[in-house]
């Protein structure tokens, strides 16, 4: 995923609906605008923490898939996380 995709995903997970947009084609924190007056603009550190949370989850899923495949080949038992990563 690109940095822009991570930014959009992180923002979308913070509140329901289309509460945010960007003031230019350059989608970055600096151009972030809030459409919903009941929501305040999150700080850059909050947005970056959410992005890191998404990246960590993606890494954990990738690692679970890799270890799950190896365990299947070896005939070993899988963890719940590995089963979820491999089979949904």
N, C-alpha and C. Protein backbone atom coordinates (compact mmCIF):
# COMPACT_ATOMS: atom_id res chain seq x y z
N UNK A 1 0.83 -1.18 0.00
CA UNK A 1 0.00 0.00 0.00
C UNK A 1 0.88 1.25 0.00
N UNK A 2 0.39 2.29 -0.63
CA UNK A 2 1.13 3.55 -0.66
C UNK A 2 0.86 4.34 0.62
N UNK A 3 1.69 5.36 0.86
CA UNK A 3 1.47 6.23 2.01
C UNK A 3 0.10 6.90 1.95
N UNK A 4 -0.32 7.30 0.77
CA UNK A 4 -1.63 7.94 0.60
C UNK A 4 -2.75 6.96 0.94
N UNK A 5 -2.60 5.72 0.52
CA UNK A 5 -3.62 4.70 0.83
C UNK A 5 -3.68 4.44 2.33
N UNK A 6 -2.52 4.36 2.98
CA UNK A 6 -2.51 4.19 4.43
C UNK A 6 -3.17 5.38 5.12
N UNK A 7 -2.89 6.59 4.67
CA UNK A 7 -3.49 7.78 5.26
C UNK A 7 -5.01 7.73 5.14
N UNK A 8 -5.52 7.43 3.96
CA UNK A 8 -6.96 7.36 3.75
C UNK A 8 -7.60 6.26 4.58
N UNK A 9 -6.96 5.11 4.67
CA UNK A 9 -7.50 4.01 5.45
C UNK A 9 -7.52 4.36 6.94
N UNK A 10 -6.45 4.96 7.41
CA UNK A 10 -6.38 5.33 8.83
C UNK A 10 -7.47 6.34 9.17
N UNK A 11 -7.65 7.34 8.33
CA UNK A 11 -8.69 8.34 8.58
C UNK A 11 -10.08 7.72 8.51
N UNK A 12 -10.31 6.84 7.55
CA UNK A 12 -11.61 6.20 7.41
C UNK A 12 -11.97 5.35 8.62
N UNK A 13 -10.98 4.78 9.28
CA UNK A 13 -11.23 3.94 10.45
C UNK A 13 -11.46 4.75 11.72
N UNK A 14 -11.17 6.03 11.69
CA UNK A 14 -11.33 6.87 12.88
C UNK A 14 -12.78 7.25 13.17
N UNK A 15 -13.56 7.48 12.11
CA UNK A 15 -14.97 7.88 12.26
C UNK A 15 -15.76 7.30 11.09
N UNK A 16 -17.04 7.03 11.29
CA UNK A 16 -17.86 6.53 10.17
C UNK A 16 -18.19 7.64 9.18
N UNK A 17 -18.48 7.26 7.98
CA UNK A 17 -18.91 8.22 6.97
C UNK A 17 -17.76 8.98 6.33
N UNK A 18 -18.11 9.83 5.40
CA UNK A 18 -17.12 10.63 4.68
C UNK A 18 -16.91 11.95 5.42
N UNK A 19 -16.20 11.89 6.52
CA UNK A 19 -16.01 13.05 7.39
C UNK A 19 -14.81 13.90 7.01
N UNK A 20 -13.98 13.40 6.12
CA UNK A 20 -12.75 14.13 5.77
C UNK A 20 -12.59 14.25 4.26
N UNK A 21 -11.73 15.15 3.87
CA UNK A 21 -11.34 15.33 2.49
C UNK A 21 -10.00 16.03 2.45
N UNK A 22 -9.60 16.45 1.28
CA UNK A 22 -8.31 17.12 1.12
C UNK A 22 -8.50 18.38 0.30
N UNK A 23 -7.74 19.40 0.62
CA UNK A 23 -7.88 20.69 -0.05
C UNK A 23 -7.14 20.77 -1.38
N UNK A 24 -6.42 19.71 -1.72
CA UNK A 24 -5.73 19.67 -3.00
C UNK A 24 -5.56 18.21 -3.43
N UNK A 25 -5.02 18.02 -4.62
CA UNK A 25 -4.78 16.66 -5.10
C UNK A 25 -3.70 15.96 -4.29
N UNK A 26 -2.85 16.75 -3.64
CA UNK A 26 -1.82 16.21 -2.76
C UNK A 26 -2.48 15.78 -1.46
N UNK A 27 -2.77 14.50 -1.35
CA UNK A 27 -3.44 14.00 -0.16
C UNK A 27 -2.40 13.73 0.93
N UNK A 28 -2.34 14.66 1.87
CA UNK A 28 -1.40 14.55 2.98
C UNK A 28 -2.07 15.13 4.22
N UNK A 29 -1.43 14.95 5.37
CA UNK A 29 -1.99 15.51 6.59
C UNK A 29 -2.15 17.03 6.46
N UNK A 30 -1.20 17.66 5.81
CA UNK A 30 -1.22 19.11 5.68
C UNK A 30 -2.42 19.61 4.88
N UNK A 31 -2.94 18.81 3.97
CA UNK A 31 -4.09 19.23 3.15
C UNK A 31 -5.40 18.62 3.64
N UNK A 32 -5.37 17.94 4.79
CA UNK A 32 -6.56 17.31 5.36
C UNK A 32 -7.56 18.37 5.82
N UNK A 33 -8.82 18.19 5.42
CA UNK A 33 -9.89 19.05 5.91
C UNK A 33 -11.00 18.17 6.48
N UNK A 34 -11.72 18.71 7.46
CA UNK A 34 -12.81 17.97 8.11
C UNK A 34 -14.14 18.55 7.64
N UNK A 35 -15.02 17.68 7.10
CA UNK A 35 -16.32 18.10 6.59
C UNK A 35 -17.40 18.12 7.66
N UNK A 36 -17.20 17.38 8.73
CA UNK A 36 -18.20 17.23 9.78
C UNK A 36 -17.85 18.13 10.96
N UNK A 37 -18.70 19.10 11.25
CA UNK A 37 -18.39 20.07 12.31
C UNK A 37 -18.37 19.45 13.71
N UNK A 38 -18.90 18.24 13.85
CA UNK A 38 -18.88 17.59 15.17
C UNK A 38 -17.57 16.85 15.43
N UNK A 39 -16.69 16.83 14.43
CA UNK A 39 -15.42 16.12 14.53
C UNK A 39 -14.28 17.13 14.43
N UNK A 40 -13.32 17.01 15.33
CA UNK A 40 -12.15 17.87 15.25
C UNK A 40 -11.05 17.14 14.48
N UNK A 41 -10.21 17.90 13.84
CA UNK A 41 -9.10 17.33 13.08
C UNK A 41 -8.16 16.61 14.04
N UNK A 42 -7.88 15.33 13.76
CA UNK A 42 -6.95 14.62 14.64
C UNK A 42 -5.53 15.18 14.49
N UNK A 43 -4.76 15.04 15.53
CA UNK A 43 -3.37 15.51 15.45
C UNK A 43 -2.59 14.61 14.51
N UNK A 44 -1.50 15.14 14.03
CA UNK A 44 -0.65 14.36 13.13
C UNK A 44 -0.12 13.12 13.83
N UNK A 45 0.19 13.22 15.13
CA UNK A 45 0.70 12.05 15.86
C UNK A 45 -0.37 10.97 16.00
N UNK A 46 -1.63 11.37 16.16
CA UNK A 46 -2.72 10.39 16.24
C UNK A 46 -2.89 9.68 14.90
N UNK A 47 -2.83 10.44 13.83
CA UNK A 47 -2.95 9.86 12.49
C UNK A 47 -1.77 8.91 12.23
N UNK A 48 -0.58 9.34 12.55
CA UNK A 48 0.60 8.49 12.34
C UNK A 48 0.54 7.22 13.18
N UNK A 49 0.00 7.31 14.40
CA UNK A 49 -0.15 6.12 15.25
C UNK A 49 -1.14 5.14 14.63
N UNK A 50 -2.22 5.66 14.05
CA UNK A 50 -3.22 4.80 13.40
C UNK A 50 -2.61 4.14 12.17
N UNK A 51 -1.82 4.90 11.41
CA UNK A 51 -1.15 4.34 10.24
C UNK A 51 -0.21 3.21 10.67
N UNK A 52 0.55 3.44 11.73
CA UNK A 52 1.47 2.41 12.22
C UNK A 52 0.71 1.18 12.69
N UNK A 53 -0.43 1.39 13.34
CA UNK A 53 -1.28 0.27 13.78
C UNK A 53 -1.71 -0.57 12.58
N UNK A 54 -2.11 0.07 11.49
CA UNK A 54 -2.51 -0.64 10.28
C UNK A 54 -1.33 -1.41 9.67
N UNK A 55 -0.17 -0.77 9.63
CA UNK A 55 1.01 -1.43 9.08
C UNK A 55 1.41 -2.64 9.94
N UNK A 56 1.34 -2.48 11.26
CA UNK A 56 1.67 -3.58 12.16
C UNK A 56 0.71 -4.76 11.97
N UNK A 57 -0.57 -4.47 11.80
CA UNK A 57 -1.56 -5.52 11.59
C UNK A 57 -1.31 -6.25 10.27
N UNK A 58 -0.94 -5.48 9.25
CA UNK A 58 -0.64 -6.08 7.95
C UNK A 58 0.60 -6.98 8.04
N UNK A 59 1.61 -6.53 8.77
CA UNK A 59 2.82 -7.32 8.97
C UNK A 59 2.51 -8.60 9.74
N UNK A 60 1.69 -8.48 10.78
CA UNK A 60 1.32 -9.66 11.58
C UNK A 60 0.57 -10.68 10.73
N UNK A 61 -0.31 -10.23 9.87
CA UNK A 61 -1.05 -11.13 8.99
C UNK A 61 -0.11 -11.82 8.01
N UNK A 62 0.80 -11.07 7.44
CA UNK A 62 1.78 -11.64 6.50
C UNK A 62 2.64 -12.68 7.21
N UNK A 63 3.09 -12.37 8.42
CA UNK A 63 3.91 -13.31 9.18
C UNK A 63 3.13 -14.57 9.54
N UNK A 64 1.85 -14.40 9.90
CA UNK A 64 1.01 -15.54 10.24
C UNK A 64 0.79 -16.44 9.02
N UNK A 65 0.63 -15.84 7.85
CA UNK A 65 0.48 -16.63 6.62
C UNK A 65 1.74 -17.44 6.36
N UNK A 66 2.88 -16.79 6.49
CA UNK A 66 4.15 -17.46 6.23
C UNK A 66 4.38 -18.62 7.19
N UNK A 67 4.19 -18.38 8.48
CA UNK A 67 4.41 -19.45 9.46
C UNK A 67 3.35 -20.52 9.33
N UNK A 68 2.12 -20.13 9.00
CA UNK A 68 1.04 -21.11 8.82
C UNK A 68 1.31 -22.05 7.67
N UNK A 69 1.80 -21.52 6.58
CA UNK A 69 2.13 -22.37 5.42
C UNK A 69 3.24 -23.34 5.77
N UNK A 70 4.24 -22.85 6.48
CA UNK A 70 5.35 -23.73 6.88
C UNK A 70 4.86 -24.83 7.81
N UNK A 71 3.97 -24.49 8.74
CA UNK A 71 3.43 -25.48 9.67
C UNK A 71 2.57 -26.51 8.94
N UNK A 72 1.79 -26.06 7.96
CA UNK A 72 0.99 -26.99 7.19
C UNK A 72 1.87 -28.00 6.46
N UNK A 73 2.95 -27.51 5.87
CA UNK A 73 3.88 -28.39 5.17
C UNK A 73 4.52 -29.39 6.12
N UNK A 74 4.78 -28.95 7.36
CA UNK A 74 5.44 -29.80 8.34
C UNK A 74 4.44 -30.66 9.12
N UNK A 75 3.15 -30.44 8.91
CA UNK A 75 2.14 -31.21 9.62
C UNK A 75 1.95 -30.77 11.06
N UNK A 76 2.30 -29.52 11.37
CA UNK A 76 2.16 -29.00 12.73
C UNK A 76 0.83 -28.28 12.90
N UNK A 77 0.43 -28.11 14.16
CA UNK A 77 -0.82 -27.41 14.46
C UNK A 77 -0.67 -25.91 14.22
N UNK A 78 -1.75 -25.28 13.77
CA UNK A 78 -1.76 -23.86 13.49
C UNK A 78 -2.37 -23.08 14.66
N UNK A 79 -1.91 -21.85 14.84
CA UNK A 79 -2.54 -20.96 15.82
C UNK A 79 -3.81 -20.38 15.20
N UNK A 80 -4.65 -19.78 16.02
CA UNK A 80 -5.86 -19.14 15.51
C UNK A 80 -5.51 -18.02 14.53
N UNK A 81 -4.47 -17.26 14.82
CA UNK A 81 -4.05 -16.16 13.95
C UNK A 81 -3.60 -16.69 12.59
N UNK A 82 -2.91 -17.82 12.59
CA UNK A 82 -2.46 -18.42 11.33
C UNK A 82 -3.65 -18.94 10.52
N UNK A 83 -4.62 -19.55 11.20
CA UNK A 83 -5.81 -20.05 10.52
C UNK A 83 -6.57 -18.88 9.88
N UNK A 84 -6.74 -17.79 10.66
CA UNK A 84 -7.44 -16.60 10.15
C UNK A 84 -6.71 -16.01 8.95
N UNK A 85 -5.39 -15.93 9.04
CA UNK A 85 -4.60 -15.35 7.94
C UNK A 85 -4.67 -16.20 6.68
N UNK A 86 -4.70 -17.49 6.85
CA UNK A 86 -4.71 -18.38 5.68
C UNK A 86 -6.11 -18.59 5.08
N UNK A 87 -7.10 -18.67 5.95
CA UNK A 87 -8.43 -19.08 5.47
C UNK A 87 -9.54 -18.06 5.69
N UNK A 88 -9.22 -16.96 6.38
CA UNK A 88 -10.21 -15.91 6.59
C UNK A 88 -11.12 -16.08 7.72
